[in-house]
Amino acid sequence: MFSRLVKPAKTSFIKSCAKNFRTSSYENAKVAVCGASGGIGQPLSLLLKESSLVTELSLYDIVHTPGVAADLSHINTVARVKGFVGPDQIRDALKGAEVIIIPAGVPRKPGMTRDDLFNTNASIVRDIAQAAAEVAPKALVGIISNPVNSTVPIASEVFQKAGVYDPNRIFGVSTLDVVRANAFIAEAKGLDPAKVNVPVIGGHSGVTIIPLISQAEPKVDFPKDQLKALTERIQEAGTEVVKAKAGAGSATLSMAYAGARFAFALCRALKGESNIVECAYVRSNVTEAKYFSTPLLLGPNGIQKNLGLGKLSDYETELLKAAIPELKKNIAKGEEFVNKK
């Protein structure tokens, strides 16, 4: 199990943020948010502005970004904030960025799958990736835009065509699946959710989301029917939010929280902190799928070590078998989108 190799920190997100404020700002990162005016982008930018891990916060979107930047700049924390708006300014927004987080795109509505977002969001991610490859090829890039199973291969293909691809630096942010698994299992067992850690592997939609409840810390056990119900809830949690919002959007606040958690992990890894472990969807040879989410040990250059699958239960092995064909299809769709152009 990966936790035996590297012990993830047990501090809560709030305690982690408090620790961030004690860090000297001159050592810290320039972070760019692409899609900063949206439902995820605004709360994500607020969380980033709150942390002294961020020295400079560069906000990009096609509308409203100067206003978002002005609003955030009134907060008395160290990060300097600047807004950029429109395609003509994207390269200026990304230039010199060490971490780029991409929540840009359209949200899901009731009845939509993540794949339904493909045509619009694929173009958005492609264009942002092209700009990043030109002006910030060494940045650590975290992609939130759905469908992540396809948009990460899109960004990777763009970087490859530009001749600057490093598979250790491009991530699909699947942290929300981990956050949800921790919350749901803590609720079921009456535990402190800040002290629960459940690795989630695979991809970031439906059956490709594989929570490794057998590897949860602290150890938990469930009857088969409850284990199946919990697994399916984690897999379909995004749809749960879409239905609850009744047409008003998808998961924005929880995704912003998860995106900030992953961005902070990248910032801390850039600074050389040790034992930074997060699950993320990356180029991988762990399974037959070319891209796959597993726990990763992060370092200043991105992925320091892929910690792999660990020991799977029989139930999780069956989930893996079901996920691989869907992942392969999603990956091929992303690659074909770039290569047919």
C-alpha atoms as a PDB file:
ATOM      1  CA  MET A   1       0.000   0.000   0.000  1.00  0.00           C
ATOM      2  CA  PHE A   2       1.355   3.379  -0.974  1.00  0.00           C
ATOM      3  CA  SER A   3       1.018   4.842   2.514  1.00  0.00           C
ATOM      4  CA  ARG A   4       3.706   2.471   3.741  1.00  0.00           C
ATOM      5  CA  LEU A   5       6.112   4.017   1.274  1.00  0.00           C
ATOM      6  CA  VAL A   6       5.296   7.646   1.962  1.00  0.00           C
ATOM      7  CA  LYS A   7       3.127   8.747   4.848  1.00  0.00           C
ATOM      8  CA  PRO A   8       0.768  11.569   3.763  1.00  0.00           C
ATOM      9  CA  ALA A   9       0.409  14.407   6.225  1.00  0.00           C
ATOM     10  CA  LYS A  10      -2.530  13.990   8.584  1.00  0.00           C
ATOM     11  CA  THR A  11      -3.056  17.699   9.121  1.00  0.00           C
ATOM     12  CA  SER A  12      -6.382  19.089   7.990  1.00  0.00           C
ATOM     13  CA  PHE A  13      -6.708  21.437   5.033  1.00  0.00           C
ATOM     14  CA  ILE A  14      -7.351  24.334   7.439  1.00  0.00           C
ATOM     15  CA  LYS A  15      -4.246  23.528   9.498  1.00  0.00           C
ATOM     16  CA  SER A  16      -2.289  23.248   6.276  1.00  0.00           C
ATOM     17  CA  CYS A  17      -3.494  26.719   5.261  1.00  0.00           C
ATOM     18  CA  ALA A  18      -2.465  28.078   8.659  1.00  0.00           C
ATOM     19  CA  LYS A  19       0.983  26.590   8.153  1.00  0.00           C
ATOM     20  CA  ASN A  20       1.137  28.268   4.753  1.00  0.00           C
ATOM     21  CA  PHE A  21       0.809  31.708   6.374  1.00  0.00           C
ATOM     22  CA  ARG A  22       3.979  31.078   8.393  1.00  0.00           C
ATOM     23  CA  THR A  23       5.999  30.549   5.212  1.00  0.00           C
ATOM     24  CA  SER A  24       8.222  33.372   3.958  1.00  0.00           C
ATOM     25  CA  SER A  25       6.680  34.679   0.752  1.00  0.00           C
ATOM     26  CA  TYR A  26       9.837  35.335  -1.245  1.00  0.00           C
ATOM     27  CA  GLU A  27      10.348  31.575  -1.787  1.00  0.00           C
ATOM     28  CA  ASN A  28       6.898  30.953  -3.139  1.00  0.00           C
ATOM     29  CA  ALA A  29       5.152  30.506  -6.460  1.00  0.00           C
ATOM     30  CA  LYS A  30       3.533  32.394  -9.291  1.00  0.00           C
ATOM     31  CA  VAL A  31       0.215  30.645  -9.903  1.00  0.00           C
ATOM     32  CA  ALA A  32      -2.036  31.229 -12.913  1.00  0.00           C
ATOM     33  CA  VAL A  33      -5.727  30.332 -12.965  1.00  0.00           C
ATOM     34  CA  CYS A  34      -7.292  29.937 -16.420  1.00  0.00           C
ATOM     35  CA  GLY A  35     -11.046  30.304 -16.110  1.00  0.00           C
ATOM     36  CA  ALA A  36     -10.748  32.546 -13.060  1.00  0.00           C
ATOM     37  CA  SER A  37     -14.117  34.277 -13.489  1.00  0.00           C
ATOM     38  CA  GLY A  38     -16.194  31.104 -13.445  1.00  0.00           C
ATOM     39  CA  GLY A  39     -18.024  29.147 -10.780  1.00  0.00           C
ATOM     40  CA  ILE A  40     -14.920  27.178  -9.848  1.00  0.00           C
ATOM     41  CA  GLY A  41     -12.382  29.840 -10.767  1.00  0.00           C
ATOM     42  CA  GLN A  42     -13.550  32.551  -8.372  1.00  0.00           C
ATOM     43  CA  PRO A  43     -13.609  30.515  -5.131  1.00  0.00           C
ATOM     44  CA  LEU A  44     -10.420  28.743  -6.232  1.00  0.00           C
ATOM     45  CA  SER A  45      -8.716  32.100  -6.734  1.00  0.00           C
ATOM     46  CA  LEU A  46      -9.922  33.252  -3.312  1.00  0.00           C
ATOM     47  CA  LEU A  47      -8.379  30.197  -1.640  1.00  0.00           C
ATOM     48  CA  LEU A  48      -5.117  30.745  -3.511  1.00  0.00           C
ATOM     49  CA  LYS A  49      -5.038  34.442  -2.572  1.00  0.00           C
ATOM     50  CA  GLU A  50      -5.433  33.418   1.061  1.00  0.00           C
ATOM     51  CA  SER A  51      -2.208  31.379   1.064  1.00  0.00           C
ATOM     52  CA  SER A  52       1.314  32.711   1.451  1.00  0.00           C
ATOM     53  CA  LEU A  53       2.473  29.812  -0.710  1.00  0.00           C
ATOM     54  CA  VAL A  54       1.394  32.056  -3.593  1.00  0.00           C
ATOM     55  CA  THR A  55       3.495  35.154  -4.264  1.00  0.00           C
ATOM     56  CA  GLU A  56       1.779  36.169  -7.500  1.00  0.00           C
ATOM     57  CA  LEU A  57      -1.703  35.241  -8.690  1.00  0.00           C
ATOM     58  CA  SER A  58      -2.388  35.656 -12.399  1.00  0.00           C
ATOM     59  CA  LEU A  59      -6.063  35.402 -13.354  1.00  0.00           C
ATOM     60  CA  TYR A  60      -7.187  34.718 -16.920  1.00  0.00           C
ATOM     61  CA  ASP A  61     -10.629  34.393 -18.483  1.00  0.00           C
ATOM     62  CA  ILE A  62     -12.517  35.645 -21.522  1.00  0.00           C
ATOM     63  CA  VAL A  63     -14.676  38.027 -19.431  1.00  0.00           C
ATOM     64  CA  HIS A  64     -14.739  39.862 -16.093  1.00  0.00           C
ATOM     65  CA  THR A  65     -11.215  38.998 -14.927  1.00  0.00           C
ATOM     66  CA  PRO A  66     -10.060  42.561 -14.171  1.00  0.00           C
ATOM     67  CA  GLY A  67     -13.000  42.908 -11.794  1.00  0.00           C
ATOM     68  CA  VAL A  68     -12.274  39.605 -10.059  1.00  0.00           C
ATOM     69  CA  ALA A  69      -8.622  40.620  -9.732  1.00  0.00           C
ATOM     70  CA  ALA A  70      -9.519  44.049  -8.317  1.00  0.00           C
ATOM     71  CA  ASP A  71     -11.840  42.441  -5.778  1.00  0.00           C
ATOM     72  CA  LEU A  72      -9.242  39.919  -4.621  1.00  0.00           C
ATOM     73  CA  SER A  73      -6.460  42.504  -4.528  1.00  0.00           C
ATOM     74  CA  HIS A  74      -8.204  44.212  -1.600  1.00  0.00           C
ATOM     75  CA  ILE A  75      -7.515  41.181   0.628  1.00  0.00           C
ATOM     76  CA  ASN A  76      -4.566  41.775   2.964  1.00  0.00           C
ATOM     77  CA  THR A  77      -2.470  38.740   2.057  1.00  0.00           C
ATOM     78  CA  VAL A  78       0.893  38.637   0.301  1.00  0.00           C
ATOM     79  CA  ALA A  79      -0.088  37.449  -3.179  1.00  0.00           C
ATOM     80  CA  ARG A  80      -0.100  40.148  -5.853  1.00  0.00           C
ATOM     81  CA  VAL A  81      -3.093  39.752  -8.149  1.00  0.00           C
ATOM     82  CA  LYS A  82      -3.430  40.726 -11.792  1.00  0.00           C
ATOM     83  CA  GLY A  83      -6.280  40.051 -14.196  1.00  0.00           C
ATOM     84  CA  PHE A  84      -6.008  39.283 -17.909  1.00  0.00           C
ATOM     85  CA  VAL A  85      -8.970  39.097 -20.262  1.00  0.00           C
ATOM     86  CA  GLY A  86      -9.408  37.709 -23.762  1.00  0.00           C
ATOM     87  CA  PRO A  87      -7.292  35.504 -26.052  1.00  0.00           C
ATOM     88  CA  ASP A  88      -4.893  38.363 -26.837  1.00  0.00           C
ATOM     89  CA  GLN A  89      -3.764  38.438 -23.193  1.00  0.00           C
ATOM     90  CA  ILE A  90      -3.458  34.742 -22.382  1.00  0.00           C
ATOM     91  CA  ARG A  91       0.292  34.573 -23.062  1.00  0.00           C
ATOM     92  CA  ASP A  92       0.903  37.537 -20.791  1.00  0.00           C
ATOM     93  CA  ALA A  93      -1.175  35.819 -18.113  1.00  0.00           C
ATOM     94  CA  LEU A  94       0.835  32.594 -18.290  1.00  0.00           C
ATOM     95  CA  LYS A  95       4.324  33.989 -18.802  1.00  0.00           C
ATOM     96  CA  GLY A  96       6.575  32.986 -15.922  1.00  0.00           C
ATOM     97  CA  ALA A  97       3.914  30.873 -14.202  1.00  0.00           C
ATOM     98  CA  GLU A  98       5.257  27.986 -12.128  1.00  0.00           C
ATOM     99  CA  VAL A  99       1.829  26.441 -11.489  1.00  0.00           C
ATOM    100  CA  ILE A 100      -1.102  26.670 -13.913  1.00  0.00           C
ATOM    101  CA  ILE A 101      -4.559  25.511 -12.824  1.00  0.00           C
ATOM    102  CA  ILE A 102      -7.226  25.202 -15.544  1.00  0.00           C
ATOM    103  CA  PRO A 103     -10.892  25.148 -14.453  1.00  0.00           C
ATOM    104  CA  ALA A 104     -12.006  26.867 -17.693  1.00  0.00           C
ATOM    105  CA  GLY A 105     -15.001  25.525 -19.579  1.00  0.00           C
ATOM    106  CA  VAL A 106     -18.740  25.028 -19.436  1.00  0.00           C
ATOM    107  CA  PRO A 107     -20.370  23.307 -16.447  1.00  0.00           C
ATOM    108  CA  ARG A 108     -22.599  20.258 -16.564  1.00  0.00           C
ATOM    109  CA  LYS A 109     -26.370  20.563 -16.479  1.00  0.00           C
ATOM    110  CA  PRO A 110     -28.935  17.917 -15.481  1.00  0.00           C
ATOM    111  CA  GLY A 111     -28.910  15.001 -17.899  1.00  0.00           C
ATOM    112  CA  MET A 112     -25.407  15.814 -19.196  1.00  0.00           C
ATOM    113  CA  THR A 113     -22.400  13.567 -18.820  1.00  0.00           C
ATOM    114  CA  ARG A 114     -18.851  14.877 -18.677  1.00  0.00           C
ATOM    115  CA  ASP A 115     -18.430  13.659 -22.253  1.00  0.00           C
ATOM    116  CA  ASP A 116     -21.245  15.979 -23.341  1.00  0.00           C
ATOM    117  CA  LEU A 117     -18.901  18.858 -22.510  1.00  0.00           C
ATOM    118  CA  PHE A 118     -16.235  17.551 -24.836  1.00  0.00           C
ATOM    119  CA  ASN A 119     -16.476  19.717 -27.947  1.00  0.00           C
ATOM    120  CA  THR A 120     -16.514  23.051 -26.108  1.00  0.00           C
ATOM    121  CA  ASN A 121     -14.047  22.241 -23.359  1.00  0.00           C
ATOM    122  CA  ALA A 122     -11.643  20.358 -25.627  1.00  0.00           C
ATOM    123  CA  SER A 123     -11.082  23.492 -27.705  1.00  0.00           C
ATOM    124  CA  ILE A 124     -10.618  25.633 -24.599  1.00  0.00           C
ATOM    125  CA  VAL A 125      -8.016  23.301 -23.083  1.00  0.00           C
ATOM    126  CA  ARG A 126      -6.210  22.956 -26.422  1.00  0.00           C
ATOM    127  CA  ASP A 127      -5.874  26.730 -26.791  1.00  0.00           C
ATOM    128  CA  ILE A 128      -4.700  27.263 -23.201  1.00  0.00           C
ATOM    129  CA  ALA A 129      -2.210  24.403 -23.554  1.00  0.00           C
ATOM    130  CA  GLN A 130      -0.811  25.945 -26.754  1.00  0.00           C
ATOM    131  CA  ALA A 131      -0.194  29.240 -24.959  1.00  0.00           C
ATOM    132  CA  ALA A 132       1.333  27.501 -21.946  1.00  0.00           C
ATOM    133  CA  ALA A 133       3.642  25.437 -24.173  1.00  0.00           C
ATOM    134  CA  GLU A 134       4.929  28.674 -25.709  1.00  0.00           C
ATOM    135  CA  VAL A 135       5.489  30.833 -22.637  1.00  0.00           C
ATOM    136  CA  ALA A 136       5.519  28.502 -19.591  1.00  0.00           C
ATOM    137  CA  PRO A 137       6.694  25.083 -20.824  1.00  0.00           C
ATOM    138  CA  LYS A 138       8.184  24.148 -17.432  1.00  0.00           C
ATOM    139  CA  ALA A 139       5.079  24.983 -15.386  1.00  0.00           C
ATOM    140  CA  LEU A 140       3.272  22.307 -13.402  1.00  0.00           C
ATOM    141  CA  VAL A 141      -0.161  22.167 -15.033  1.00  0.00           C
ATOM    142  CA  GLY A 142      -3.304  20.982 -13.217  1.00  0.00           C
ATOM    143  CA  ILE A 143      -6.329  20.413 -15.474  1.00  0.00           C
ATOM    144  CA  ILE A 144      -9.805  20.562 -13.931  1.00  0.00           C
ATOM    145  CA  SER A 145     -11.783  21.115 -17.165  1.00  0.00           C
ATOM    146  CA  ASN A 146     -14.000  18.121 -17.932  1.00  0.00           C
ATOM    147  CA  PRO A 147     -13.916  15.519 -19.322  1.00  0.00           C
ATOM    148  CA  VAL A 148     -10.548  15.181 -17.547  1.00  0.00           C
ATOM    149  CA  ASN A 149     -10.053  11.677 -18.971  1.00  0.00           C
ATOM    150  CA  SER A 150      -9.830  13.331 -22.416  1.00  0.00           C
ATOM    151  CA  THR A 151      -8.601  16.863 -21.704  1.00  0.00           C
ATOM    152  CA  VAL A 152      -5.334  15.689 -20.114  1.00  0.00           C
ATOM    153  CA  PRO A 153      -4.417  13.722 -23.277  1.00  0.00           C
ATOM    154  CA  ILE A 154      -5.351  16.843 -25.308  1.00  0.00           C
ATOM    155  CA  ALA A 155      -2.940  19.033 -23.340  1.00  0.00           C
ATOM    156  CA  SER A 156      -0.246  16.374 -23.521  1.00  0.00           C
ATOM    157  CA  GLU A 157      -0.581  16.083 -27.310  1.00  0.00           C
ATOM    158  CA  VAL A 158      -0.321  19.870 -27.655  1.00  0.00           C
ATOM    159  CA  PHE A 159       2.859  19.960 -25.564  1.00  0.00           C
ATOM    160  CA  GLN A 160       4.291  17.078 -27.586  1.00  0.00           C
ATOM    161  CA  LYS A 161       3.631  18.871 -30.875  1.00  0.00           C
ATOM    162  CA  ALA A 162       5.356  21.956 -29.456  1.00  0.00           C
ATOM    163  CA  GLY A 163       8.404  19.854 -28.545  1.00  0.00           C
ATOM    164  CA  VAL A 164       8.254  20.699 -24.824  1.00  0.00           C
ATOM    165  CA  TYR A 165       6.332  17.744 -23.369  1.00  0.00           C
ATOM    166  CA  ASP A 166       7.318  16.465 -19.934  1.00  0.00           C
ATOM    167  CA  PRO A 167       4.801  13.870 -18.689  1.00  0.00           C
ATOM    168  CA  ASN A 168       5.836  14.578 -15.107  1.00  0.00           C
ATOM    169  CA  ARG A 169       4.425  18.121 -15.290  1.00  0.00           C
ATOM    170  CA  ILE A 170       0.850  17.653 -16.582  1.00  0.00           C
ATOM    171  CA  PHE A 171      -1.865  16.482 -14.177  1.00  0.00           C
ATOM    172  CA  GLY A 172      -5.569  15.822 -14.264  1.00  0.00           C
ATOM    173  CA  VAL A 173      -6.926  17.103 -10.956  1.00  0.00           C
ATOM    174  CA  SER A 174      -8.897  14.159  -9.580  1.00  0.00           C
ATOM    175  CA  THR A 175      -8.526  15.384  -5.996  1.00  0.00           C
ATOM    176  CA  LEU A 176     -12.284  15.935  -5.662  1.00  0.00           C
ATOM    177  CA  ASP A 177     -12.816  12.166  -5.869  1.00  0.00           C
ATOM    178  CA  VAL A 178     -10.447  11.738  -2.911  1.00  0.00           C
ATOM    179  CA  VAL A 179     -12.132  14.545  -0.970  1.00  0.00           C
ATOM    180  CA  ARG A 180     -15.547  12.996  -1.555  1.00  0.00           C
ATOM    181  CA  ALA A 181     -14.380   9.505  -0.626  1.00  0.00           C
ATOM    182  CA  ASN A 182     -12.883  10.836   2.604  1.00  0.00           C
ATOM    183  CA  ALA A 183     -16.072  12.736   3.445  1.00  0.00           C
ATOM    184  CA  PHE A 184     -18.512   9.914   2.646  1.00  0.00           C
ATOM    185  CA  ILE A 185     -16.541   7.222   4.477  1.00  0.00           C
ATOM    186  CA  ALA A 186     -16.013   9.453   7.502  1.00  0.00           C
ATOM    187  CA  GLU A 187     -19.758  10.099   7.578  1.00  0.00           C
ATOM    188  CA  ALA A 188     -20.542   6.367   7.343  1.00  0.00           C
ATOM    189  CA  LYS A 189     -18.148   5.481  10.177  1.00  0.00           C
ATOM    190  CA  GLY A 190     -18.521   8.554  12.394  1.00  0.00           C
ATOM    191  CA  LEU A 191     -14.883   9.586  11.859  1.00  0.00           C
ATOM    192  CA  ASP A 192     -13.167  12.961  11.581  1.00  0.00           C
ATOM    193  CA  PRO A 193     -13.060  13.485   7.784  1.00  0.00           C
ATOM    194  CA  ALA A 194      -9.808  15.456   8.090  1.00  0.00           C
ATOM    195  CA  LYS A 195      -8.159  12.289   9.415  1.00  0.00           C
ATOM    196  CA  VAL A 196      -9.453   9.916   6.733  1.00  0.00           C
ATOM    197  CA  ASN A 197      -7.367   9.210   3.637  1.00  0.00           C
ATOM    198  CA  VAL A 198      -8.735   7.099   0.777  1.00  0.00           C
ATOM    199  CA  PRO A 199      -6.668   6.786  -2.407  1.00  0.00           C
ATOM    200  CA  VAL A 200      -8.790   7.003  -5.556  1.00  0.00           C
ATOM    201  CA  ILE A 201      -7.323   5.616  -8.770  1.00  0.00           C
ATOM    202  CA  GLY A 202      -8.383   5.326 -12.416  1.00  0.00           C
ATOM    203  CA  GLY A 203      -9.982   8.339 -14.061  1.00  0.00           C
ATOM    204  CA  HIS A 204     -12.421  11.102 -13.248  1.00  0.00           C
ATOM    205  CA  SER A 205     -15.829   9.974 -14.474  1.00  0.00           C
ATOM    206  CA  GLY A 206     -18.309   7.229 -13.662  1.00  0.00           C
ATOM    207  CA  VAL A 207     -16.920   3.710 -13.664  1.00  0.00           C
ATOM    208  CA  THR A 208     -13.360   4.975 -14.179  1.00  0.00           C
ATOM    209  CA  ILE A 209     -13.368   6.345 -10.593  1.00  0.00           C
ATOM    210  CA  ILE A 210     -12.041   3.573  -8.337  1.00  0.00           C
ATOM    211  CA  PRO A 211     -11.941   4.344  -4.596  1.00  0.00           C
ATOM    212  CA  LEU A 212      -9.535   1.990  -2.842  1.00  0.00           C
ATOM    213  CA  ILE A 213     -11.519   1.623   0.351  1.00  0.00           C
ATOM    214  CA  SER A 214      -9.447  -1.430   1.287  1.00  0.00           C
ATOM    215  CA  GLN A 215      -6.449   0.934   1.579  1.00  0.00           C
ATOM    216  CA  ALA A 216      -8.258   3.593   3.613  1.00  0.00           C
ATOM    217  CA  GLU A 217      -6.556   5.084   6.637  1.00  0.00           C
ATOM    218  CA  PRO A 218      -7.720   4.467   9.260  1.00  0.00           C
ATOM    219  CA  LYS A 219      -8.731   0.960   8.177  1.00  0.00           C
ATOM    220  CA  VAL A 220     -12.471   0.504   7.667  1.00  0.00           C
ATOM    221  CA  ASP A 221     -14.684  -2.436   6.762  1.00  0.00           C
ATOM    222  CA  PHE A 222     -18.126  -2.489   5.164  1.00  0.00           C
ATOM    223  CA  PRO A 223     -20.587  -5.245   4.255  1.00  0.00           C
ATOM    224  CA  LYS A 224     -20.643  -5.959   0.507  1.00  0.00           C
ATOM    225  CA  ASP A 225     -23.893  -4.117  -0.149  1.00  0.00           C
ATOM    226  CA  GLN A 226     -22.753  -1.000   1.730  1.00  0.00           C
ATOM    227  CA  LEU A 227     -19.329  -1.110   0.035  1.00  0.00           C
ATOM    228  CA  LYS A 228     -21.020  -1.229  -3.374  1.00  0.00           C
ATOM    229  CA  ALA A 229     -23.373   1.640  -2.463  1.00  0.00           C
ATOM    230  CA  LEU A 230     -20.486   3.806  -1.169  1.00  0.00           C
ATOM    231  CA  THR A 231     -18.396   3.104  -4.254  1.00  0.00           C
ATOM    232  CA  GLU A 232     -21.245   4.024  -6.575  1.00  0.00           C
ATOM    233  CA  ARG A 233     -21.971   7.191  -4.620  1.00  0.00           C
ATOM    234  CA  ILE A 234     -18.343   8.291  -4.965  1.00  0.00           C
ATOM    235  CA  GLN A 235     -18.447   7.504  -8.694  1.00  0.00           C
ATOM    236  CA  GLU A 236     -21.667   9.454  -9.253  1.00  0.00           C
ATOM    237  CA  ALA A 237     -21.180  12.235  -6.705  1.00  0.00           C
ATOM    238  CA  GLY A 238     -20.831  14.866  -9.421  1.00  0.00           C
ATOM    239  CA  THR A 239     -24.244  13.943 -10.799  1.00  0.00           C
ATOM    240  CA  GLU A 240     -25.637  14.156  -7.243  1.00  0.00           C
ATOM    241  CA  VAL A 241     -24.582  17.824  -7.122  1.00  0.00           C
ATOM    242  CA  VAL A 242     -25.805  18.592 -10.656  1.00  0.00           C
ATOM    243  CA  LYS A 243     -29.266  17.225  -9.776  1.00  0.00           C
ATOM    244  CA  ALA A 244     -29.362  19.052  -6.438  1.00  0.00           C
ATOM    245  CA  LYS A 245     -28.536  22.365  -8.146  1.00  0.00           C
ATOM    246  CA  ALA A 246     -31.388  21.738 -10.588  1.00  0.00           C
ATOM    247  CA  GLY A 247     -29.865  23.446 -13.585  1.00  0.00           C
ATOM    248  CA  ALA A 248     -27.880  26.072 -11.664  1.00  0.00           C
ATOM    249  CA  GLY A 249     -24.518  24.404 -12.285  1.00  0.00           C
ATOM    250  CA  SER A 250     -22.277  21.593 -11.158  1.00  0.00           C
ATOM    251  CA  ALA A 251     -19.790  21.091  -8.316  1.00  0.00           C
ATOM    252  CA  THR A 252     -18.049  24.435  -7.932  1.00  0.00           C
ATOM    253  CA  LEU A 253     -17.252  25.002  -4.245  1.00  0.00           C
ATOM    254  CA  SER A 254     -16.074  21.461  -3.520  1.00  0.00           C
ATOM    255  CA  MET A 255     -14.084  21.468  -6.767  1.00  0.00           C
ATOM    256  CA  ALA A 256     -12.490  24.798  -5.854  1.00  0.00           C
ATOM    257  CA  TYR A 257     -11.502  23.344  -2.474  1.00  0.00           C
ATOM    258  CA  ALA A 258     -10.045  20.239  -4.124  1.00  0.00           C
ATOM    259  CA  GLY A 259      -8.285  22.322  -6.797  1.00  0.00           C
ATOM    260  CA  ALA A 260      -6.725  24.526  -4.130  1.00  0.00           C
ATOM    261  CA  ARG A 261      -5.582  21.479  -2.182  1.00  0.00           C
ATOM    262  CA  PHE A 262      -3.833  20.148  -5.289  1.00  0.00           C
ATOM    263  CA  ALA A 263      -2.352  23.549  -6.179  1.00  0.00           C
ATOM    264  CA  PHE A 264      -0.957  23.896  -2.658  1.00  0.00           C
ATOM    265  CA  ALA A 265       0.582  20.417  -2.954  1.00  0.00           C
ATOM    266  CA  LEU A 266       2.324  21.495  -6.171  1.00  0.00           C
ATOM    267  CA  CYS A 267       3.541  24.723  -4.552  1.00  0.00           C
ATOM    268  CA  ARG A 268       4.908  22.865  -1.552  1.00  0.00           C
ATOM    269  CA  ALA A 269       6.617  20.318  -3.813  1.00  0.00           C
ATOM    270  CA  LEU A 270       8.182  23.158  -5.838  1.00  0.00           C
ATOM    271  CA  LYS A 271       9.641  24.518  -2.603  1.00  0.00           C
ATOM    272  CA  GLY A 272      11.305  21.154  -1.955  1.00  0.00           C
ATOM    273  CA  GLU A 273       9.073  19.954   0.873  1.00  0.00           C
ATOM    274  CA  SER A 274       9.204  16.178   1.266  1.00  0.00           C
ATOM    275  CA  ASN A 275       6.458  13.552   1.489  1.00  0.00           C
ATOM    276  CA  ILE A 276       3.950  15.433  -0.678  1.00  0.00           C
ATOM    277  CA  VAL A 277       1.555  12.761  -1.958  1.00  0.00           C
ATOM    278  CA  GLU A 278      -1.618  13.315  -3.986  1.00  0.00           C
ATOM    279  CA  CYS A 279      -3.614  11.197  -6.402  1.00  0.00           C
ATOM    280  CA  ALA A 280      -3.787  12.639  -9.925  1.00  0.00           C
ATOM    281  CA  TYR A 281      -4.554  11.509 -13.481  1.00  0.00           C
ATOM    282  CA  VAL A 282      -1.279  11.410 -15.421  1.00  0.00           C
ATOM    283  CA  ARG A 283       0.625   9.716 -18.242  1.00  0.00           C
ATOM    284  CA  SER A 284       1.236   6.268 -16.817  1.00  0.00           C
ATOM    285  CA  ASN A 285       2.473   2.751 -17.496  1.00  0.00           C
ATOM    286  CA  VAL A 286       0.881   1.290 -14.367  1.00  0.00           C
ATOM    287  CA  THR A 287      -2.001  -0.262 -16.351  1.00  0.00           C
ATOM    288  CA  GLU A 288      -2.957  -0.814 -19.989  1.00  0.00           C
ATOM    289  CA  ALA A 289      -4.432   2.701 -20.082  1.00  0.00           C
ATOM    290  CA  LYS A 290      -1.960   5.354 -21.293  1.00  0.00           C
ATOM    291  CA  TYR A 291      -3.245   7.795 -18.638  1.00  0.00           C
ATOM    292  CA  PHE A 292      -4.267   6.706 -15.150  1.00  0.00           C
ATOM    293  CA  SER A 293      -4.697   8.210 -11.691  1.00  0.00           C
ATOM    294  CA  THR A 294      -2.640   6.805  -8.825  1.00  0.00           C
ATOM    295  CA  PRO A 295      -0.997   8.219  -5.693  1.00  0.00           C
ATOM    296  CA  LEU A 296       2.032  10.284  -6.717  1.00  0.00           C
ATOM    297  CA  LEU A 297       5.025  11.478  -4.745  1.00  0.00           C
ATOM    298  CA  LEU A 298       5.520  15.065  -5.902  1.00  0.00           C
ATOM    299  CA  GLY A 299       8.776  16.994  -6.170  1.00  0.00           C
ATOM    300  CA  PRO A 300      10.156  20.231  -7.647  1.00  0.00           C
ATOM    301  CA  ASN A 301       9.901  18.801 -11.189  1.00  0.00           C
ATOM    302  CA  GLY A 302       6.423  17.341 -10.814  1.00  0.00           C
ATOM    303  CA  ILE A 303       6.070  13.585 -10.430  1.00  0.00           C
ATOM    304  CA  GLN A 304       8.979  12.292  -8.387  1.00  0.00           C
ATOM    305  CA  LYS A 305       7.622   8.746  -8.110  1.00  0.00           C
ATOM    306  CA  ASN A 306       4.420   7.008  -9.192  1.00  0.00           C
ATOM    307  CA  LEU A 307       3.378   4.960  -6.164  1.00  0.00           C
ATOM    308  CA  GLY A 308       1.197   2.622  -8.194  1.00  0.00           C
ATOM    309  CA  LEU A 309      -1.873   0.622  -7.293  1.00  0.00           C
ATOM    310  CA  GLY A 310      -0.909  -0.991  -4.029  1.00  0.00           C
ATOM    311  CA  LYS A 311      -2.686  -4.230  -3.125  1.00  0.00           C
ATOM    312  CA  LEU A 312      -6.230  -4.304  -4.493  1.00  0.00           C
ATOM    313  CA  SER A 313      -9.125  -6.262  -3.047  1.00  0.00           C
ATOM    314  CA  ASP A 314     -11.018  -8.669  -5.314  1.00  0.00           C
ATOM    315  CA  TYR A 315     -13.825  -6.104  -5.602  1.00  0.00           C
ATOM    316  CA  GLU A 316     -11.396  -3.332  -6.589  1.00  0.00           C
ATOM    317  CA  THR A 317      -9.757  -5.624  -9.150  1.00  0.00           C
ATOM    318  CA  GLU A 318     -13.139  -6.040 -10.834  1.00  0.00           C
ATOM    319  CA  LEU A 319     -13.670  -2.257 -10.771  1.00  0.00           C
ATOM    320  CA  LEU A 320     -10.291  -1.849 -12.483  1.00  0.00           C
ATOM    321  CA  LYS A 321     -11.263  -4.298 -15.229  1.00  0.00           C
ATOM    322  CA  ALA A 322     -14.453  -2.332 -15.885  1.00  0.00           C
ATOM    323  CA  ALA A 323     -12.619   1.006 -15.948  1.00  0.00           C
ATOM    324  CA  ILE A 324      -9.845   0.237 -18.447  1.00  0.00           C
ATOM    325  CA  PRO A 325     -11.952  -0.017 -21.647  1.00  0.00           C
ATOM    326  CA  GLU A 326     -13.759   3.238 -20.850  1.00  0.00           C
ATOM    327  CA  LEU A 327     -10.488   5.012 -20.082  1.00  0.00           C
ATOM    328  CA  LYS A 328      -8.930   3.830 -23.339  1.00  0.00           C
ATOM    329  CA  LYS A 329     -11.909   5.189 -25.270  1.00  0.00           C
ATOM    330  CA  ASN A 330     -11.756   8.559 -23.470  1.00  0.00           C
ATOM    331  CA  ILE A 331      -7.999   8.862 -24.041  1.00  0.00           C
ATOM    332  CA  ALA A 332      -8.276   8.039 -27.752  1.00  0.00           C
ATOM    333  CA  LYS A 333     -11.006  10.660 -28.131  1.00  0.00           C
ATOM    334  CA  GLY A 334      -8.745  13.368 -26.695  1.00  0.00           C
ATOM    335  CA  GLU A 335      -5.741  12.403 -28.789  1.00  0.00           C
ATOM    336  CA  GLU A 336      -7.805  12.231 -31.978  1.00  0.00           C
ATOM    337  CA  PHE A 337      -9.203  15.707 -31.321  1.00  0.00           C
ATOM    338  CA  VAL A 338      -5.722  17.220 -31.477  1.00  0.00           C
ATOM    339  CA  ASN A 339      -4.287  15.039 -34.209  1.00  0.00           C
ATOM    340  CA  LYS A 340      -7.134  15.459 -36.687  1.00  0.00           C
ATOM    341  CA  LYS A 341      -6.674  19.238 -36.744  1.00  0.00           C
END
